[in-house]
Amino acid sequence: MNRRVFYFSGYRMKVFEWLHNELLGSCTFEPDDEGFANFSFYLKNASPVPSQLLVDIVEEDFRRELIPHVTGADHKTLVTRLVDRHYRDEPFVHIEKIGREKQGRKDDRILLSALTNQRLLKPWLDLFRHCESPLAGIWSVPLISKKLLPLITKNNQNVLLLSRLILTAQRETFFKDGELLLSRQAKFERDNRETDNALVAPESLTSGVMQIHTFLTNQRIIGFNDVLNVYCIVPSDFIPSLSSKRFDSEKIKYHYVDLESIFKQFNIKEKNQYHADILYSYICAKMPLLTDHYATKKEKVFFYRYLISKSIHIGAVIGSIFLLIISGLLFLNTKELNQKHALLDANRELLQKRYAHDFAPLEQPLTDSSSIQASVEFANKLSTETDNSPEIYFSLLSSVFSQRYFSDIHLDSLNWKKYSASELSQILTTQQASVAEATATNAFQEEVPLEESASEYMQVLVSLSGYLDTKGRDYRSVNQLMNRFIGQLQAIPGVIRVVVLKMPVDVRPGRSFADEKSVKKDLKSQDQEKIESEYQIIMGFDLHSIVDFTAATEGEL
């Protein structure tokens, strides 16, 4: 912890440089032109570390107030009204809740304090801003005095703490139940202001204590029968002289605390001088930087910039360290991978040698067996493809055309071509979609969904064309005959789908049957009638299914 504490007593400015618990040095600046010039030079050339301003001035006012126990916006409104009532237009104000009443409505007890003389601080604060010094805040000597209570007493009921930070005055701070209620800077008599032992003079010590005791009892802060415990923080050389004076009374008890012992309890590394201003500057240096007493954002703007700059620097350092760690891990990982790669290469060479020794004689027979297996598979496929000849479809189709019911349906041509399963499915689907789009209805055939075939055998598309003898037939009988004919074709084993590309009659809306008895029929030639009664049909066959069906039929025979 490297901290810089500026101690202002209302007249001159003193600075203490701390490194952890060790006081590195101190210097004093007078409130004149030369002192301000030296102070400005010091701020501009000093190392940029967090700075704290500790004030111990007469113009620090303390007030105790009671407000109803409310929270949130209501509490803030009540406190704002109190501040406006007592310290209107004062920028340096501190508000602290010190407890609740034990009786009645149990109101909240609020301690208000303010630095009421801005003229004293203004020249010094202007120099802080002009030199862009990172001032973290303004702390009060009475408010940080609470940190001393655990070291000097276990009874916090009525404690008056006396300490001399400057030659001309002593700080008198009263605590009740561990909470600060009032404090003042009491000036010494003019004759005693320039001597180090002014605190030990009976008139300087007892007169101030008696005044505070009278005030506390009159204000009902302590009872008339309560004991006021006065703790005097003094150098060890003064304690024998003070103890011999016997200032104690029935209502006031004096206790003397050795400064050197407090230094040791705080582990402050300072052997040559034990002064109260050093002690309080150390306590201030230990305070959290973000919770000061009086500073506004205007005074702390350069401190915020310092924190941002420091955070960026720390982030860069942490990032660099992280990247170095990652680089080291990657280097070690790469080294390990290289070792593993070398080990794998050695194992591969060993396996190759073992393979060459144990399996090289078997390599040629294994290669020959693979070639034989491929030849057998090719021969089986060739045999299967050979079975797929046009004759196999003649017998299947003749079983339909030879039926007496279909004697008027004549076959002029039969064509066939091999396709893969996916190609044949695409052709049939496309042709059926074209027929459906060309006709307003598709009453003569029902769409049969195609199933994906995983067969490795080629499939066949058979195209039939011919004509229907429509003599003596009307539209309905022709339609029934063709639907029955198509159904018989669809029932042939191995047929995937039957698609009618052209019907002997025109089934589109608004068309009339060409064979009705009329003048038009008489005018038609025989060739024209044949052309109009033509049909065109395509059929998809699964070769594998036909081969299996043929083999089964031959077995039955």
Protein backbone atom coordinates (compact mmCIF):
# COMPACT_ATOMS: atom_id res chain seq x y z
CA MET A 1 0.00 0.00 0.00
CA ASN A 2 1.59 3.29 -1.13
CA ARG A 3 -0.45 6.26 0.16
CA ARG A 4 0.09 10.00 0.44
CA VAL A 5 -1.81 11.78 3.25
CA PHE A 6 -2.10 15.56 3.36
CA TYR A 7 -2.87 16.84 6.87
CA PHE A 8 -4.48 20.31 7.08
CA SER A 9 -4.85 21.91 10.51
CA GLY A 10 -6.58 25.12 9.35
CA TYR A 11 -3.37 27.00 8.68
CA ARG A 12 -0.49 25.06 7.13
CA MET A 13 -0.42 21.86 5.03
CA LYS A 14 1.66 18.86 6.00
CA VAL A 15 2.19 15.74 3.86
CA PHE A 16 3.06 12.20 4.98
CA GLU A 17 4.34 9.52 2.58
CA TRP A 18 3.40 5.97 3.64
CA LEU A 19 4.53 2.62 2.29
CA HIS A 20 2.46 -0.01 4.07
CA ASN A 21 3.22 0.61 7.80
CA GLU A 22 6.39 2.60 7.23
CA LEU A 23 6.56 6.40 7.20
CA LEU A 24 8.90 7.31 4.32
CA GLY A 25 8.98 11.03 5.09
CA SER A 26 7.02 14.24 5.63
CA CYS A 27 7.21 17.93 4.79
CA THR A 28 5.29 21.12 5.60
CA PHE A 29 3.98 23.95 3.38
CA GLU A 30 3.12 27.43 4.69
CA PRO A 31 0.01 29.31 3.45
CA ASP A 32 1.95 32.06 1.63
CA ASP A 33 3.12 32.62 -1.94
CA GLU A 34 6.32 30.68 -1.43
CA GLY A 35 4.48 27.84 0.31
CA PHE A 36 1.85 27.59 -2.45
CA ALA A 37 4.60 27.61 -5.12
CA ASN A 38 6.48 24.82 -3.32
CA PHE A 39 3.25 22.86 -2.86
CA SER A 40 2.45 23.16 -6.58
CA PHE A 41 5.97 22.01 -7.49
CA TYR A 42 5.63 19.05 -5.14
CA LEU A 43 2.31 17.94 -6.65
CA LYS A 44 3.60 18.17 -10.22
CA ASN A 45 6.79 16.20 -9.52
CA ALA A 46 5.53 13.66 -6.98
CA SER A 47 4.84 10.12 -8.11
CA PRO A 48 1.16 9.56 -9.02
CA VAL A 49 -0.22 7.67 -6.02
CA PRO A 50 -3.65 7.91 -4.33
CA SER A 51 -3.75 11.04 -2.15
CA GLN A 52 -5.95 11.71 0.87
CA LEU A 53 -6.70 15.03 2.57
CA LEU A 54 -7.14 14.84 6.37
CA VAL A 55 -8.63 17.96 7.97
CA ASP A 56 -8.51 19.05 11.62
CA ILE A 57 -10.01 22.55 11.74
CA VAL A 58 -12.06 24.67 14.11
CA GLU A 59 -14.70 25.28 11.42
CA GLU A 60 -16.00 21.69 11.51
CA ASP A 61 -19.53 21.70 12.86
CA PHE A 62 -21.41 18.69 14.31
CA ARG A 63 -25.16 18.45 14.90
CA ARG A 64 -27.34 15.65 16.25
CA GLU A 65 -30.86 15.24 14.86
CA LEU A 66 -33.81 12.86 15.25
CA ILE A 67 -35.93 11.85 12.26
CA PRO A 68 -38.76 9.30 11.90
CA HIS A 69 -37.60 5.80 11.07
CA VAL A 70 -38.36 5.63 7.34
CA THR A 71 -36.43 4.24 4.39
CA GLY A 72 -35.91 4.89 0.72
CA ALA A 73 -37.01 8.19 -0.82
CA ASP A 74 -38.74 9.37 2.38
CA HIS A 75 -35.51 9.02 4.39
CA LYS A 76 -33.56 10.87 1.71
CA THR A 77 -36.11 13.70 1.68
CA LEU A 78 -35.95 14.18 5.45
CA VAL A 79 -32.15 14.22 5.46
CA THR A 80 -32.08 16.71 2.57
CA ARG A 81 -34.35 19.04 4.52
CA LEU A 82 -32.04 18.87 7.54
CA VAL A 83 -29.01 19.66 5.41
CA ASP A 84 -30.79 22.62 3.79
CA ARG A 85 -31.80 23.90 7.23
CA HIS A 86 -28.33 23.80 8.80
CA TYR A 87 -25.83 23.83 5.93
CA ARG A 88 -27.48 25.45 2.94
CA ASP A 89 -24.99 26.05 0.08
CA GLU A 90 -22.21 24.26 1.98
CA PRO A 91 -20.52 21.75 -0.39
CA PHE A 92 -18.62 19.72 2.21
CA VAL A 93 -21.33 17.92 4.24
CA HIS A 94 -21.29 14.47 5.83
CA ILE A 95 -24.35 12.49 7.03
CA GLU A 96 -24.06 9.45 9.28
CA LYS A 97 -26.69 7.34 11.03
CA ILE A 98 -25.61 6.67 14.62
CA GLY A 99 -28.46 4.50 15.91
CA ARG A 100 -32.10 4.62 17.04
CA GLU A 101 -33.90 5.85 20.10
CA LYS A 102 -34.78 3.11 22.55
CA GLN A 103 -38.10 4.62 23.61
CA GLY A 104 -41.14 6.24 22.01
CA ARG A 105 -41.27 6.05 18.20
CA LYS A 106 -37.70 4.75 18.12
CA ASP A 107 -36.62 7.50 15.75
CA ASP A 108 -33.35 7.42 13.86
CA ARG A 109 -30.45 9.39 15.29
CA ILE A 110 -28.54 11.28 12.59
CA LEU A 111 -25.15 12.99 12.92
CA LEU A 112 -24.64 15.90 10.53
CA SER A 113 -21.21 17.47 10.08
CA ALA A 114 -19.83 20.07 7.68
CA LEU A 115 -16.73 22.13 6.93
CA THR A 116 -18.22 25.58 7.21
CA ASN A 117 -15.29 27.72 6.06
CA GLN A 118 -14.55 27.11 2.40
CA ARG A 119 -11.98 29.89 2.23
CA LEU A 120 -9.50 27.85 4.23
CA LEU A 121 -9.49 24.89 1.86
CA LYS A 122 -10.05 26.64 -1.47
CA PRO A 123 -6.41 27.66 -2.26
CA TRP A 124 -5.16 24.16 -1.57
CA LEU A 125 -7.97 22.41 -3.47
CA ASP A 126 -7.40 24.71 -6.45
CA LEU A 127 -3.78 23.58 -6.54
CA PHE A 128 -4.84 19.92 -6.40
CA ARG A 129 -7.06 20.46 -9.46
CA HIS A 130 -4.52 22.63 -11.29
CA CYS A 131 -1.80 19.99 -10.88
CA GLU A 132 -4.26 17.16 -11.71
CA SER A 133 -3.34 15.35 -8.51
CA PRO A 134 -5.35 12.15 -7.85
CA LEU A 135 -7.09 13.31 -4.65
CA ALA A 136 -9.25 10.41 -3.42
CA GLY A 137 -11.25 12.43 -0.88
CA ILE A 138 -11.41 14.51 2.28
CA TRP A 139 -11.41 12.78 5.69
CA SER A 140 -12.10 14.24 9.15
CA VAL A 141 -9.90 13.68 12.22
CA PRO A 142 -12.89 13.38 14.63
CA LEU A 143 -14.70 10.91 12.34
CA ILE A 144 -11.72 8.56 12.03
CA SER A 145 -10.96 8.78 15.79
CA LYS A 146 -13.42 5.94 16.32
CA LYS A 147 -10.70 3.56 15.07
CA LEU A 148 -8.76 4.24 18.31
CA LEU A 149 -11.48 3.18 20.74
CA PRO A 150 -10.84 -0.61 20.59
CA LEU A 151 -7.15 0.02 21.41
CA ILE A 152 -7.60 2.25 24.43
CA THR A 153 -10.79 1.10 26.19
CA LYS A 154 -13.39 -1.66 26.44
CA ASN A 155 -15.99 0.64 28.00
CA ASN A 156 -17.41 2.86 25.24
CA GLN A 157 -20.30 4.27 27.24
CA ASN A 158 -19.03 7.84 27.88
CA VAL A 159 -15.60 8.44 26.39
CA LEU A 160 -13.89 11.79 25.88
CA LEU A 161 -10.81 11.42 23.69
CA LEU A 162 -8.11 14.11 23.97
CA SER A 163 -5.22 14.36 21.53
CA ARG A 164 -2.85 17.13 20.53
CA LEU A 165 -2.10 17.20 16.78
CA ILE A 166 -0.79 20.78 16.64
CA LEU A 167 0.93 23.06 19.18
CA THR A 168 -1.86 25.61 19.43
CA ALA A 169 -4.85 23.34 20.17
CA GLN A 170 -6.05 19.93 21.25
CA ARG A 171 -8.82 17.83 19.69
CA GLU A 172 -11.63 16.86 22.09
CA THR A 173 -14.04 14.19 20.78
CA PHE A 174 -16.90 12.64 22.73
CA PHE A 175 -18.25 9.11 22.11
CA LYS A 176 -21.36 7.58 23.66
CA ASP A 177 -21.79 3.84 23.27
CA GLY A 178 -19.06 3.88 20.63
CA GLU A 179 -20.76 6.54 18.45
CA LEU A 180 -19.38 10.04 17.92
CA LEU A 181 -21.75 12.76 19.16
CA LEU A 182 -19.60 15.91 19.20
CA SER A 183 -16.07 17.16 18.70
CA ARG A 184 -14.19 20.44 18.86
CA GLN A 185 -10.71 21.84 18.41
CA ALA A 186 -9.93 23.70 21.66
CA LYS A 187 -7.32 26.44 21.45
CA PHE A 188 -4.72 26.70 24.23
CA GLU A 189 -3.97 29.87 26.10
CA ARG A 190 -1.63 32.08 24.12
CA ASP A 191 1.24 31.56 26.59
CA ASN A 192 1.08 27.78 26.16
CA ARG A 193 0.79 27.56 22.35
CA GLU A 194 4.48 27.26 21.52
CA THR A 195 5.53 24.65 24.07
CA ASP A 196 5.41 20.88 23.68
CA ASN A 197 4.17 20.24 27.22
CA ALA A 198 1.13 22.52 27.05
CA LEU A 199 -1.14 19.49 27.34
CA VAL A 200 0.24 18.57 30.73
CA ALA A 201 -0.52 21.99 32.28
CA PRO A 202 -3.37 21.47 34.72
CA GLU A 203 -5.27 24.55 33.64
CA SER A 204 -5.15 23.54 29.93
CA LEU A 205 -6.33 19.98 30.60
CA THR A 206 -8.96 20.37 33.28
CA SER A 207 -10.62 23.56 32.06
CA GLY A 208 -11.55 22.10 28.69
CA VAL A 209 -12.82 18.85 30.21
CA MET A 210 -14.97 20.64 32.75
CA GLN A 211 -16.61 22.72 30.00
CA ILE A 212 -17.49 19.60 27.97
CA HIS A 213 -18.80 17.78 31.03
CA THR A 214 -21.10 20.72 31.89
CA PHE A 215 -22.36 20.85 28.28
CA LEU A 216 -23.04 17.09 28.13
CA THR A 217 -25.03 17.06 31.37
CA ASN A 218 -27.02 20.20 30.50
CA GLN A 219 -27.92 18.72 27.12
CA ARG A 220 -28.99 15.45 28.83
CA ILE A 221 -26.49 13.59 26.69
CA ILE A 222 -25.15 11.96 29.88
CA GLY A 223 -26.78 11.79 33.27
CA PHE A 224 -25.71 13.91 36.22
CA ASN A 225 -24.55 10.80 38.01
CA ASP A 226 -22.78 9.25 34.99
CA VAL A 227 -19.00 9.06 34.93
CA LEU A 228 -17.10 10.73 32.07
CA ASN A 229 -14.00 8.73 31.12
CA VAL A 230 -11.31 10.99 29.70
CA TYR A 231 -8.58 9.29 27.64
CA CYS A 232 -5.53 11.47 27.02
CA ILE A 233 -3.22 10.35 24.19
CA VAL A 234 0.19 11.73 25.21
CA PRO A 235 3.90 10.89 24.82
CA SER A 236 5.21 8.41 27.36
CA ASP A 237 7.41 11.10 28.99
CA PHE A 238 4.30 13.03 30.12
CA ILE A 239 2.48 10.18 31.85
CA PRO A 240 4.38 10.21 35.21
CA SER A 241 3.85 13.96 35.59
CA LEU A 242 0.16 13.74 34.70
CA SER A 243 -0.48 10.78 37.00
CA SER A 244 0.97 12.66 39.96
CA LYS A 245 -1.46 15.58 39.50
CA ARG A 246 -4.51 13.47 40.40
CA PHE A 247 -7.14 15.29 38.31
CA ASP A 248 -9.79 12.62 38.96
CA SER A 249 -13.07 13.55 40.57
CA GLU A 250 -16.26 11.69 41.39
CA LYS A 251 -17.78 12.38 37.91
CA ILE A 252 -14.60 12.57 35.80
CA LYS A 253 -11.97 9.82 35.50
CA TYR A 254 -8.69 10.42 33.64
CA HIS A 255 -6.80 7.71 31.75
CA TYR A 256 -3.44 8.26 30.02
CA VAL A 257 -2.58 6.39 26.83
CA ASP A 258 1.01 6.17 25.67
CA LEU A 259 1.48 7.20 22.02
CA GLU A 260 4.35 4.77 21.64
CA SER A 261 2.17 1.83 22.70
CA ILE A 262 -0.47 2.77 20.09
CA PHE A 263 2.25 2.92 17.43
CA LYS A 264 3.28 -0.60 18.39
CA GLN A 265 -0.28 -1.90 18.31
CA PHE A 266 -0.70 -0.52 14.78
CA ASN A 267 2.80 -1.81 13.93
CA ILE A 268 3.83 1.63 12.69
CA LYS A 269 7.53 1.66 11.80
CA GLU A 270 8.68 4.97 13.24
CA LYS A 271 11.36 4.95 15.99
CA ASN A 272 12.37 8.59 16.33
CA GLN A 273 9.15 10.55 16.74
CA TYR A 274 5.76 9.71 18.20
CA HIS A 275 3.28 12.46 17.39
CA ALA A 276 -0.50 12.39 17.15
CA ASP A 277 -0.56 13.84 13.61
CA ILE A 278 1.55 10.88 12.41
CA LEU A 279 -0.85 8.47 14.13
CA TYR A 280 -3.97 10.02 12.59
CA SER A 281 -2.37 10.22 9.14
CA TYR A 282 -1.65 6.48 9.35
CA ILE A 283 -5.26 5.75 10.34
CA CYS A 284 -6.41 7.85 7.40
CA ALA A 285 -4.06 5.96 5.05
CA LYS A 286 -5.77 2.72 6.11
CA MET A 287 -9.27 4.02 5.27
CA PRO A 288 -11.02 2.77 2.09
CA LEU A 289 -10.39 5.22 -0.74
CA LEU A 290 -13.95 5.15 -2.10
CA THR A 291 -15.69 6.13 1.17
CA ASP A 292 -14.44 9.52 2.28
CA HIS A 293 -16.36 12.13 4.33
CA TYR A 294 -16.52 15.45 2.54
CA ALA A 295 -15.14 15.49 -1.02
CA THR A 296 -17.44 16.11 -3.98
CA LYS A 297 -17.06 14.68 -7.49
CA LYS A 298 -15.36 17.91 -8.53
CA GLU A 299 -12.41 17.23 -6.21
CA LYS A 300 -12.21 13.51 -7.10
CA VAL A 301 -12.32 13.69 -10.92
CA PHE A 302 -8.58 13.16 -11.35
CA PHE A 303 -8.65 10.28 -8.87
CA TYR A 304 -11.28 8.55 -11.01
CA ARG A 305 -9.06 9.05 -14.04
CA TYR A 306 -6.17 7.58 -12.07
CA LEU A 307 -8.26 4.50 -11.22
CA ILE A 308 -9.24 4.02 -14.85
CA SER A 309 -5.64 4.33 -16.01
CA LYS A 310 -4.50 1.95 -13.27
CA SER A 311 -7.20 -0.57 -14.19
CA ILE A 312 -6.17 -0.48 -17.84
CA HIS A 313 -2.52 -0.96 -16.85
CA ILE A 314 -3.35 -3.84 -14.51
CA GLY A 315 -5.55 -5.39 -17.18
CA ALA A 316 -2.72 -5.16 -19.70
CA VAL A 317 -0.29 -6.75 -17.22
CA ILE A 318 -2.74 -9.54 -16.37
CA GLY A 319 -3.39 -10.07 -20.07
CA SER A 320 0.33 -10.28 -20.77
CA ILE A 321 0.83 -12.75 -17.94
CA PHE A 322 -2.11 -14.81 -19.20
CA LEU A 323 -0.68 -14.85 -22.73
CA LEU A 324 2.72 -15.88 -21.36
CA ILE A 325 1.11 -18.71 -19.42
CA ILE A 326 -0.81 -19.83 -22.50
CA SER A 327 2.35 -19.63 -24.59
CA GLY A 328 4.20 -21.72 -22.03
CA LEU A 329 1.43 -24.30 -21.94
CA LEU A 330 1.33 -24.44 -25.75
CA PHE A 331 5.11 -24.85 -25.84
CA LEU A 332 4.98 -27.70 -23.35
CA ASN A 333 2.05 -29.25 -25.19
CA THR A 334 3.90 -28.98 -28.50
CA LYS A 335 6.95 -30.59 -26.95
CA GLU A 336 4.80 -33.42 -25.60
CA LEU A 337 3.11 -33.89 -28.98
CA ASN A 338 6.47 -34.04 -30.71
CA GLN A 339 7.56 -36.73 -28.28
CA LYS A 340 4.36 -38.68 -28.91
CA HIS A 341 4.81 -38.24 -32.67
CA ALA A 342 8.36 -39.62 -32.46
CA LEU A 343 7.08 -42.56 -30.40
CA LEU A 344 4.33 -43.24 -32.94
CA ASP A 345 6.85 -43.17 -35.79
CA ALA A 346 9.00 -45.67 -33.93
CA ASN A 347 5.98 -47.95 -33.30
CA ARG A 348 4.94 -47.65 -36.95
CA GLU A 349 8.35 -48.70 -38.17
CA LEU A 350 8.32 -51.63 -35.73
CA LEU A 351 4.87 -52.73 -36.92
CA GLN A 352 5.93 -52.45 -40.55
CA LYS A 353 8.90 -54.70 -39.84
CA ARG A 354 6.69 -57.21 -38.01
CA TYR A 355 4.16 -57.13 -40.84
CA ALA A 356 6.85 -57.67 -43.44
CA HIS A 357 8.15 -60.62 -41.46
CA ASP A 358 4.83 -62.27 -40.51
CA PHE A 359 2.28 -61.36 -43.25
CA ALA A 360 4.24 -60.57 -46.40
CA PRO A 361 3.92 -64.20 -47.66
CA LEU A 362 0.13 -63.99 -47.26
CA GLU A 363 -0.27 -60.65 -49.05
CA GLN A 364 -0.46 -62.09 -52.59
CA PRO A 365 -3.08 -64.78 -51.75
CA LEU A 366 -5.22 -62.17 -50.00
CA THR A 367 -4.99 -59.89 -53.01
CA ASP A 368 -5.98 -62.75 -55.29
CA SER A 369 -8.99 -63.61 -53.10
CA SER A 370 -10.24 -60.01 -53.34
CA SER A 371 -9.98 -60.13 -57.12
CA ILE A 372 -11.84 -63.44 -57.23
CA GLN A 373 -14.64 -62.06 -55.03
CA ALA A 374 -15.02 -58.99 -57.27
CA SER A 375 -15.14 -61.26 -60.35
CA VAL A 376 -17.88 -63.42 -58.80
CA GLU A 377 -19.97 -60.38 -57.91
CA PHE A 378 -19.60 -59.03 -61.45
CA ALA A 379 -20.59 -62.36 -62.93
CA ASN A 380 -23.71 -62.51 -60.74
CA LYS A 381 -24.70 -58.99 -61.77
CA LEU A 382 -24.07 -59.81 -65.43
CA SER A 383 -26.20 -62.91 -65.11
CA THR A 384 -29.03 -60.91 -63.57
CA GLU A 385 -28.84 -58.23 -66.26
CA THR A 386 -28.82 -60.94 -68.93
CA ASP A 387 -32.18 -62.22 -67.65
CA ASN A 388 -33.68 -58.83 -68.38
CA SER A 389 -34.60 -59.33 -72.06
CA PRO A 390 -37.74 -58.20 -73.95
CA GLU A 391 -39.14 -61.72 -74.02
CA ILE A 392 -39.80 -61.62 -70.29
CA TYR A 393 -42.32 -58.77 -70.78
CA PHE A 394 -44.11 -60.43 -73.76
CA SER A 395 -45.50 -63.22 -71.64
CA LEU A 396 -46.55 -60.82 -68.89
CA LEU A 397 -48.30 -58.39 -71.25
CA SER A 398 -49.84 -61.15 -73.36
CA SER A 399 -51.63 -62.42 -70.25
CA VAL A 400 -53.58 -59.16 -70.33
CA PHE A 401 -54.03 -58.58 -74.07
CA SER A 402 -55.16 -62.20 -74.60
CA GLN A 403 -58.19 -61.74 -72.38
CA ARG A 404 -61.43 -61.81 -74.38
CA TYR A 405 -62.69 -58.69 -72.67
CA PHE A 406 -59.79 -56.66 -74.17
CA SER A 407 -60.10 -58.01 -77.76
CA ASP A 408 -60.81 -54.50 -79.10
CA ILE A 409 -57.57 -53.11 -77.67
CA HIS A 410 -54.80 -53.47 -80.24
CA LEU A 411 -51.02 -53.16 -79.64
CA ASP A 412 -48.94 -51.48 -82.34
CA SER A 413 -45.55 -51.02 -80.63
CA LEU A 414 -43.63 -51.96 -77.49
CA ASN A 415 -40.40 -50.24 -76.45
CA TRP A 416 -38.25 -50.78 -73.33
CA LYS A 417 -35.23 -49.10 -71.79
CA LYS A 418 -33.21 -49.60 -68.59
CA TYR A 419 -32.83 -46.95 -65.90
CA SER A 420 -31.63 -46.76 -62.36
CA ALA A 421 -34.27 -46.80 -59.61
CA SER A 422 -34.02 -43.05 -58.95
CA GLU A 423 -34.09 -42.14 -62.67
CA LEU A 424 -37.14 -44.28 -63.34
CA SER A 425 -38.99 -42.82 -60.36
CA GLN A 426 -38.26 -39.28 -61.61
CA ILE A 427 -39.49 -40.09 -65.14
CA LEU A 428 -42.77 -41.64 -63.95
CA THR A 429 -43.46 -38.79 -61.53
CA THR A 430 -42.78 -36.12 -64.18
CA GLN A 431 -44.96 -37.81 -66.82
CA GLN A 432 -47.88 -38.29 -64.44
CA ALA A 433 -47.66 -34.63 -63.36
CA SER A 434 -47.74 -33.55 -67.02
CA VAL A 435 -50.83 -35.66 -67.71
CA ALA A 436 -52.60 -34.29 -64.62
CA GLU A 437 -51.90 -30.71 -65.71
CA ALA A 438 -53.11 -31.29 -69.27
CA THR A 439 -56.44 -32.78 -68.16
CA ALA A 440 -59.06 -31.18 -65.98
CA THR A 441 -59.68 -34.45 -64.18
CA ASN A 442 -57.80 -37.68 -63.70
CA ALA A 443 -60.70 -40.05 -63.32
CA PHE A 444 -59.17 -42.80 -65.46
CA GLN A 445 -56.19 -43.51 -63.20
CA GLU A 446 -55.36 -43.31 -59.53
CA GLU A 447 -52.00 -41.90 -58.44
CA VAL A 448 -49.96 -44.54 -56.64
CA PRO A 449 -47.16 -43.13 -54.47
CA LEU A 450 -43.73 -44.42 -55.37
CA GLU A 451 -41.66 -46.09 -52.71
CA GLU A 452 -37.91 -45.43 -52.59
CA SER A 453 -36.15 -48.49 -53.89
CA ALA A 454 -32.76 -49.39 -52.53
CA SER A 455 -32.32 -52.15 -55.19
CA GLU A 456 -28.96 -52.25 -56.91
CA TYR A 457 -30.55 -53.75 -60.04
CA MET A 458 -31.48 -51.69 -63.05
CA GLN A 459 -35.20 -51.05 -63.64
CA VAL A 460 -37.08 -50.95 -66.92
CA LEU A 461 -39.48 -48.47 -68.55
CA VAL A 462 -41.87 -50.14 -71.04
CA SER A 463 -43.80 -47.94 -73.50
CA LEU A 464 -47.02 -49.30 -75.10
CA SER A 465 -48.92 -47.67 -77.94
CA GLY A 466 -51.90 -48.83 -79.96
CA TYR A 467 -55.55 -48.08 -80.61
CA LEU A 468 -59.00 -49.03 -79.42
CA ASP A 469 -61.78 -50.16 -81.76
CA THR A 470 -64.52 -47.78 -80.58
CA LYS A 471 -67.15 -48.99 -83.03
CA GLY A 472 -70.44 -49.42 -81.23
CA ARG A 473 -69.09 -47.97 -77.95
CA ASP A 474 -70.09 -44.81 -76.20
CA TYR A 475 -67.96 -42.59 -73.92
CA ARG A 476 -68.81 -44.44 -70.71
CA SER A 477 -68.09 -47.92 -72.02
CA VAL A 478 -64.74 -46.79 -73.46
CA ASN A 479 -63.77 -45.20 -70.15
CA GLN A 480 -64.76 -48.33 -68.18
CA LEU A 481 -62.84 -50.58 -70.58
CA MET A 482 -59.65 -48.52 -70.34
CA ASN A 483 -59.81 -48.28 -66.55
CA ARG A 484 -60.17 -52.04 -66.34
CA PHE A 485 -57.32 -52.52 -68.80
CA ILE A 486 -55.05 -50.19 -66.81
CA GLY A 487 -55.97 -52.04 -63.60
CA GLN A 488 -54.93 -55.34 -65.15
CA LEU A 489 -51.63 -53.87 -66.26
CA GLN A 490 -51.02 -52.48 -62.75
CA ALA A 491 -51.65 -56.00 -61.33
CA ILE A 492 -48.81 -57.54 -63.34
CA PRO A 493 -46.06 -58.73 -60.94
CA GLY A 494 -43.10 -56.33 -60.79
CA VAL A 495 -45.01 -53.29 -62.11
CA ILE A 496 -44.07 -50.13 -60.20
CA ARG A 497 -46.55 -47.71 -61.78
CA VAL A 498 -48.71 -47.36 -64.91
CA VAL A 499 -49.00 -43.89 -66.42
CA VAL A 500 -51.49 -43.22 -69.26
CA LEU A 501 -50.09 -40.59 -71.58
CA LYS A 502 -53.05 -40.65 -73.99
CA MET A 503 -56.57 -42.04 -73.83
CA PRO A 504 -58.67 -43.21 -76.79
CA VAL A 505 -61.21 -40.52 -75.81
CA ASP A 506 -60.75 -36.86 -74.92
CA VAL A 507 -61.63 -36.49 -71.20
CA ARG A 508 -61.11 -32.74 -70.99
CA PRO A 509 -64.16 -30.61 -70.05
CA GLY A 510 -66.25 -29.36 -72.93
CA ARG A 511 -65.21 -32.15 -75.31
CA SER A 512 -67.62 -34.61 -76.98
CA PHE A 513 -67.10 -38.27 -77.77
CA ALA A 514 -65.81 -38.62 -81.30
CA ASP A 515 -67.73 -41.86 -82.06
CA GLU A 516 -71.28 -40.58 -81.57
CA LYS A 517 -73.58 -40.95 -84.54
CA SER A 518 -73.49 -37.67 -86.33
CA VAL A 519 -72.55 -36.01 -89.52
CA LYS A 520 -69.02 -35.51 -88.20
CA LYS A 521 -68.52 -39.26 -87.96
CA ASP A 522 -69.54 -39.83 -91.52
CA LEU A 523 -67.08 -37.29 -92.75
CA LYS A 524 -64.15 -38.93 -90.93
CA SER A 525 -61.92 -41.34 -92.75
CA GLN A 526 -60.90 -44.65 -91.28
CA ASP A 527 -57.33 -43.47 -90.61
CA GLN A 528 -58.60 -40.41 -88.76
CA GLU A 529 -60.78 -42.58 -86.52
CA LYS A 530 -57.81 -44.79 -85.77
CA ILE A 531 -55.65 -41.83 -84.83
CA GLU A 532 -58.28 -40.37 -82.53
CA SER A 533 -58.73 -43.71 -80.72
CA GLU A 534 -54.98 -44.16 -80.04
CA TYR A 535 -53.64 -44.75 -76.56
CA GLN A 536 -50.12 -44.38 -75.11
CA ILE A 537 -49.08 -46.03 -71.84
CA ILE A 538 -45.76 -46.24 -69.99
CA MET A 539 -45.03 -48.82 -67.28
CA GLY A 540 -42.20 -49.07 -64.74
CA PHE A 541 -40.92 -52.58 -63.98
CA ASP A 542 -38.72 -53.74 -61.11
CA LEU A 543 -36.44 -56.29 -62.73
CA HIS A 544 -35.54 -58.00 -59.47
CA SER A 545 -39.21 -58.64 -58.65
CA ILE A 546 -39.89 -60.02 -62.14
CA VAL A 547 -36.92 -62.38 -61.92
CA ASP A 548 -38.07 -63.68 -58.54
CA PHE A 549 -41.67 -64.10 -59.80
CA THR A 550 -40.53 -65.95 -62.94
CA ALA A 551 -38.32 -68.26 -60.93
CA ALA A 552 -41.15 -69.06 -58.54
CA THR A 553 -43.55 -69.75 -61.43
CA GLU A 554 -41.11 -72.10 -63.12
CA GLY A 555 -40.63 -73.92 -59.83
CA GLU A 556 -44.38 -74.50 -59.50
CA LEU A 557 -44.56 -75.81 -63.02
